[in-house]
Amino acid sequence: MKSLARHLLCFAAAAISVTALAQAPEWKKIRIGVEGNYPPFSQIAPSGDLSGFDIDIANAICAQLKAECTLVKQEWDGMIPALNVKKFDAIVASMTISEERKKAVDFSDPYYDVPSRWVAKAGAFKDATPESLKGKKIAVIRNSPRAKFVADNYKGSETLLVNKETDVYMELTAGRADIGFGSSVVSGEAFLKKPEGKGYAQVGPAVNLGAGAGVGIAIRKGDDALRDKINSALKAIMANGTYKKLADKYFDFDVSPNRK
């Protein structure tokens, strides 16, 4: 009887395993959440077409995987909730990998990393040391490595937490913050080069936040096969020159996460 019971248990386990394999998606069709309001990483033309580095990376990954991909526009604040209710399968929207976000989603390997920069009214600060910013209000994206950096190193400053990087510069120009801390690329391209950035400047040198602060592709927890496919595609496009060709369209410096 014990032998028969063991055989039945093994048969049941095998049946469950086969069923699980049959139900597992092959990921020939992938829906990707993108934003469209974060130049030069993503933007929407008057025609409604999406463009930018994130968009190009998403399309390159899909081409490498030979997958049929659909780009789904989503407001930044709802990105992770929309992923987890299966509105789409992955997020390619310049989402910085953080311990807080890892509680809700899994991440691919990083696909880019850029230094951070301080931005304020031109001439307002000679530098951005903790002493110089004591008592000042700093605008920074909530739940981000930059916010943690500010919290850890600028304890004498007040922090104004915002939901997306464009809000950092909106709070700055509205006078609700004294200085902003954000991406070196976005502060330059999406703010300082625009009319609203007139009279503002980057303060001090670029800040490298260190390992683990790169940008990754978010995937639902448990979708390990999709994460592995995306990681494989990222490695391939970095090795075959596609990544560099795409990055050179937007940046005049190395944004790869593996740079020395």
Protein backbone atom coordinates (compact mmCIF):
# COMPACT_ATOMS: atom_id res chain seq x y z
CA MET A 1 0.00 0.00 0.00
CA LYS A 2 2.82 2.42 0.87
CA SER A 3 4.46 1.69 -2.49
CA LEU A 4 1.19 2.32 -4.30
CA ALA A 5 0.67 5.57 -2.38
CA ARG A 6 4.16 6.73 -3.30
CA HIS A 7 3.52 5.98 -6.99
CA LEU A 8 0.25 7.89 -6.87
CA LEU A 9 1.94 10.90 -5.25
CA CYS A 10 4.69 10.88 -7.85
CA PHE A 11 2.12 10.63 -10.64
CA ALA A 12 0.16 13.55 -9.18
CA ALA A 13 3.30 15.67 -8.84
CA ALA A 14 4.29 14.91 -12.42
CA ALA A 15 0.82 15.82 -13.64
CA ILE A 16 0.93 19.13 -11.79
CA SER A 17 4.37 19.86 -13.24
CA VAL A 18 3.22 19.12 -16.81
CA THR A 19 0.13 21.31 -16.31
CA ALA A 20 2.24 24.17 -14.96
CA LEU A 21 4.58 23.93 -17.95
CA ALA A 22 1.65 23.91 -20.33
CA GLN A 23 0.22 27.02 -18.67
CA ALA A 24 3.51 28.93 -18.52
CA PRO A 25 3.58 31.71 -21.14
CA GLU A 26 6.15 31.40 -23.94
CA TRP A 27 6.41 35.20 -24.09
CA LYS A 28 6.00 35.45 -27.85
CA LYS A 29 3.73 38.42 -27.16
CA ILE A 30 4.82 40.99 -24.58
CA ARG A 31 3.07 44.16 -23.44
CA ILE A 32 5.47 46.84 -22.23
CA GLY A 33 4.52 49.77 -20.02
CA VAL A 34 6.11 53.07 -21.08
CA GLU A 35 5.61 56.67 -19.97
CA GLY A 36 6.21 59.23 -22.71
CA ASN A 37 6.93 62.24 -20.50
CA TYR A 38 10.63 61.88 -19.71
CA PRO A 39 12.81 63.15 -22.59
CA PRO A 40 15.23 62.05 -23.90
CA PHE A 41 14.23 58.62 -22.55
CA SER A 42 10.60 58.76 -23.67
CA GLN A 43 8.42 61.38 -25.29
CA ILE A 44 5.31 61.64 -27.44
CA ALA A 45 5.33 63.52 -30.74
CA PRO A 46 2.29 65.58 -31.83
CA SER A 47 1.47 62.63 -34.08
CA GLY A 48 1.17 60.44 -31.00
CA ASP A 49 4.29 58.42 -31.83
CA LEU A 50 6.54 57.42 -28.96
CA SER A 51 10.30 57.93 -29.15
CA GLY A 52 13.35 58.04 -26.92
CA PHE A 53 16.04 55.80 -25.48
CA ASP A 54 13.63 53.71 -23.38
CA ILE A 55 11.41 53.17 -26.41
CA ASP A 56 14.36 52.15 -28.58
CA ILE A 57 15.62 49.73 -25.91
CA ALA A 58 12.16 48.15 -25.58
CA ASN A 59 11.94 47.67 -29.35
CA ALA A 60 15.49 46.29 -29.55
CA ILE A 61 14.76 43.73 -26.83
CA CYS A 62 11.60 42.64 -28.64
CA ALA A 63 13.48 42.31 -31.93
CA GLN A 64 16.19 40.25 -30.23
CA LEU A 65 13.55 37.97 -28.68
CA LYS A 66 11.58 37.82 -31.95
CA ALA A 67 8.55 38.71 -29.87
CA GLU A 68 5.46 40.68 -30.86
CA CYS A 69 5.44 43.64 -28.50
CA THR A 70 2.82 46.24 -27.70
CA LEU A 71 3.81 49.50 -26.01
CA VAL A 72 1.23 50.59 -23.45
CA LYS A 73 1.36 54.21 -22.30
CA GLN A 74 0.93 54.60 -18.55
CA GLU A 75 1.19 57.54 -16.15
CA TRP A 76 4.26 57.16 -13.94
CA ASP A 77 2.39 57.10 -10.62
CA GLY A 78 0.42 54.01 -11.64
CA MET A 79 3.24 52.03 -13.28
CA ILE A 80 3.82 49.34 -10.67
CA PRO A 81 0.12 48.85 -9.77
CA ALA A 82 -0.70 48.51 -13.49
CA LEU A 83 2.06 45.93 -13.94
CA ASN A 84 0.82 43.89 -11.01
CA VAL A 85 -2.80 43.83 -12.24
CA LYS A 86 -1.45 42.59 -15.61
CA LYS A 87 -2.19 45.66 -17.71
CA PHE A 88 1.25 44.93 -19.19
CA ASP A 89 4.09 42.46 -18.58
CA ALA A 90 7.17 44.65 -18.13
CA ILE A 91 8.05 48.29 -17.51
CA VAL A 92 10.68 50.06 -19.63
CA ALA A 93 10.40 53.57 -18.20
CA SER A 94 13.71 54.58 -16.62
CA MET A 95 12.76 52.94 -13.34
CA THR A 96 15.69 53.04 -10.93
CA ILE A 97 16.29 49.78 -9.09
CA SER A 98 15.70 50.31 -5.37
CA GLU A 99 15.18 48.11 -2.33
CA GLU A 100 11.74 49.64 -1.81
CA ARG A 101 10.61 48.81 -5.34
CA LYS A 102 12.04 45.29 -5.08
CA LYS A 103 9.36 44.58 -2.49
CA ALA A 104 6.71 44.95 -5.19
CA VAL A 105 8.43 43.84 -8.41
CA ASP A 106 11.46 42.03 -9.77
CA PHE A 107 14.04 43.74 -11.97
CA SER A 108 16.17 42.82 -14.94
CA ASP A 109 19.86 43.57 -14.95
CA PRO A 110 20.47 47.34 -15.22
CA TYR A 111 20.32 48.71 -18.76
CA TYR A 112 21.68 52.18 -18.05
CA ASP A 113 23.05 54.37 -15.29
CA VAL A 114 23.77 58.11 -15.34
CA PRO A 115 25.24 60.41 -12.71
CA SER A 116 23.01 62.65 -10.61
CA ARG A 117 23.23 66.46 -10.53
CA TRP A 118 22.07 69.27 -8.29
CA VAL A 119 20.11 72.11 -9.96
CA ALA A 120 19.24 75.54 -8.53
CA LYS A 121 18.95 79.17 -9.53
CA ALA A 122 22.21 80.25 -11.15
CA GLY A 123 24.54 81.67 -8.50
CA ALA A 124 22.39 80.59 -5.55
CA PHE A 125 24.95 78.03 -4.33
CA LYS A 126 28.68 77.70 -4.87
CA ASP A 127 28.47 73.99 -4.11
CA ALA A 128 26.02 71.42 -2.82
CA THR A 129 27.71 70.17 0.35
CA PRO A 130 25.61 69.27 3.39
CA GLU A 131 26.90 72.45 5.04
CA SER A 132 25.89 74.63 2.09
CA LEU A 133 22.39 73.15 1.99
CA LYS A 134 21.73 73.20 5.74
CA GLY A 135 18.21 74.51 6.33
CA LYS A 136 17.42 74.43 2.60
CA LYS A 137 14.61 72.48 0.95
CA ILE A 138 15.68 69.77 -1.50
CA ALA A 139 13.28 68.38 -4.14
CA VAL A 140 13.91 64.73 -5.03
CA ILE A 141 11.91 61.72 -6.26
CA ARG A 142 10.41 59.68 -3.43
CA ASN A 143 11.41 56.03 -2.88
CA SER A 144 14.53 56.44 -5.01
CA PRO A 145 18.27 55.94 -4.43
CA ARG A 146 18.59 59.73 -4.75
CA ALA A 147 16.08 60.23 -1.94
CA LYS A 148 18.04 57.78 0.22
CA PHE A 149 21.28 59.59 -0.60
CA VAL A 150 19.74 62.90 0.48
CA ALA A 151 18.25 61.36 3.64
CA ASP A 152 21.58 59.78 4.60
CA ASN A 153 23.82 62.75 3.85
CA TYR A 154 21.74 65.93 4.20
CA LYS A 155 20.18 65.53 7.61
CA GLY A 156 20.24 69.29 8.21
CA SER A 157 18.11 69.95 5.12
CA GLU A 158 14.38 69.68 4.54
CA THR A 159 13.28 67.22 1.87
CA LEU A 160 10.41 67.74 -0.57
CA LEU A 161 9.50 64.33 -2.01
CA VAL A 162 7.87 64.27 -5.45
CA ASN A 163 6.46 61.52 -7.66
CA LYS A 164 8.45 62.02 -10.88
CA GLU A 165 11.53 63.89 -11.99
CA THR A 166 9.75 66.58 -13.97
CA ASP A 167 8.10 67.49 -10.66
CA VAL A 168 11.55 68.20 -9.17
CA TYR A 169 11.99 71.11 -11.57
CA MET A 170 8.36 72.20 -11.34
CA GLU A 171 8.72 72.58 -7.56
CA LEU A 172 12.00 74.42 -8.09
CA THR A 173 10.56 76.99 -10.50
CA ALA A 174 7.46 77.40 -8.31
CA GLY A 175 9.70 78.40 -5.42
CA ARG A 176 8.66 75.48 -3.23
CA ALA A 177 12.20 74.06 -3.20
CA ASP A 178 15.62 75.72 -3.01
CA ILE A 179 17.47 73.07 -4.99
CA GLY A 180 16.64 69.90 -6.92
CA PHE A 181 18.50 66.60 -7.12
CA GLY A 182 17.94 64.51 -10.24
CA SER A 183 19.40 62.89 -13.33
CA SER A 184 22.25 64.73 -15.03
CA VAL A 185 20.68 63.95 -18.41
CA VAL A 186 17.11 64.94 -17.60
CA SER A 187 18.06 68.10 -15.74
CA GLY A 188 20.08 69.20 -18.76
CA GLU A 189 17.85 68.07 -21.63
CA ALA A 190 14.35 68.41 -20.20
CA PHE A 191 14.85 71.47 -18.01
CA LEU A 192 17.95 73.61 -18.47
CA LYS A 193 17.70 73.59 -22.28
CA LYS A 194 14.02 74.57 -22.15
CA PRO A 195 12.60 78.10 -21.63
CA GLU A 196 11.47 77.22 -18.10
CA GLY A 197 15.08 76.40 -17.19
CA LYS A 198 16.37 79.89 -18.01
CA GLY A 199 18.23 81.33 -15.02
CA TYR A 200 18.93 77.90 -13.51
CA ALA A 201 22.16 75.88 -13.54
CA GLN A 202 23.69 72.64 -12.33
CA VAL A 203 25.51 73.00 -9.02
CA GLY A 204 28.75 71.21 -8.14
CA PRO A 205 30.15 68.08 -9.79
CA ALA A 206 28.21 65.02 -10.95
CA VAL A 207 27.31 62.58 -8.16
CA ASN A 208 27.69 58.83 -8.68
CA LEU A 209 25.48 56.94 -6.26
CA GLY A 210 27.40 53.68 -6.58
CA ALA A 211 26.55 50.04 -7.30
CA GLY A 212 22.93 48.98 -7.33
CA ALA A 213 21.62 52.37 -8.40
CA GLY A 214 21.15 51.58 -12.07
CA VAL A 215 17.94 51.57 -14.09
CA GLY A 216 16.25 48.25 -14.80
CA ILE A 217 13.19 46.72 -16.45
CA ALA A 218 10.49 45.84 -13.92
CA ILE A 219 8.72 42.48 -14.16
CA ARG A 220 6.03 40.94 -11.97
CA LYS A 221 7.33 38.75 -9.18
CA GLY A 222 7.26 35.13 -10.31
CA ASP A 223 7.68 35.88 -14.02
CA ASP A 224 11.20 34.46 -13.88
CA ALA A 225 11.16 33.15 -17.45
CA LEU A 226 10.40 36.62 -18.81
CA ARG A 227 13.10 38.20 -16.64
CA ASP A 228 15.64 35.65 -17.91
CA LYS A 229 14.64 36.27 -21.53
CA ILE A 230 14.98 40.03 -21.09
CA ASN A 231 18.38 39.66 -19.41
CA SER A 232 19.53 37.42 -22.26
CA ALA A 233 18.34 39.99 -24.82
CA LEU A 234 20.06 42.84 -22.97
CA LYS A 235 23.35 40.95 -22.96
CA ALA A 236 22.97 40.25 -26.68
CA ILE A 237 22.27 43.85 -27.74
CA MET A 238 25.15 45.09 -25.59
CA ALA A 239 27.49 42.54 -27.18
CA ASN A 240 26.45 43.02 -30.80
CA GLY A 241 26.72 46.83 -30.87
CA THR A 242 23.00 47.60 -30.95
CA TYR A 243 23.01 49.15 -27.49
CA LYS A 244 25.89 51.55 -28.27
CA LYS A 245 24.28 52.57 -31.56
CA LEU A 246 21.04 53.44 -29.76
CA ALA A 247 22.76 55.22 -26.86
CA ASP A 248 24.86 57.33 -29.22
CA LYS A 249 21.65 58.80 -30.67
CA TYR A 250 20.91 60.49 -27.34
CA PHE A 251 24.09 60.80 -25.26
CA ASP A 252 27.63 62.02 -25.80
CA PHE A 253 28.95 59.99 -22.85
CA ASP A 254 28.77 56.37 -21.75
CA VAL A 255 25.50 55.49 -20.02
CA SER A 256 26.09 51.73 -19.94
CA PRO A 257 25.76 50.19 -16.46
CA ASN A 258 29.01 48.26 -16.88
CA ARG A 259 31.29 51.22 -17.57
CA LYS A 260 34.51 51.36 -15.54
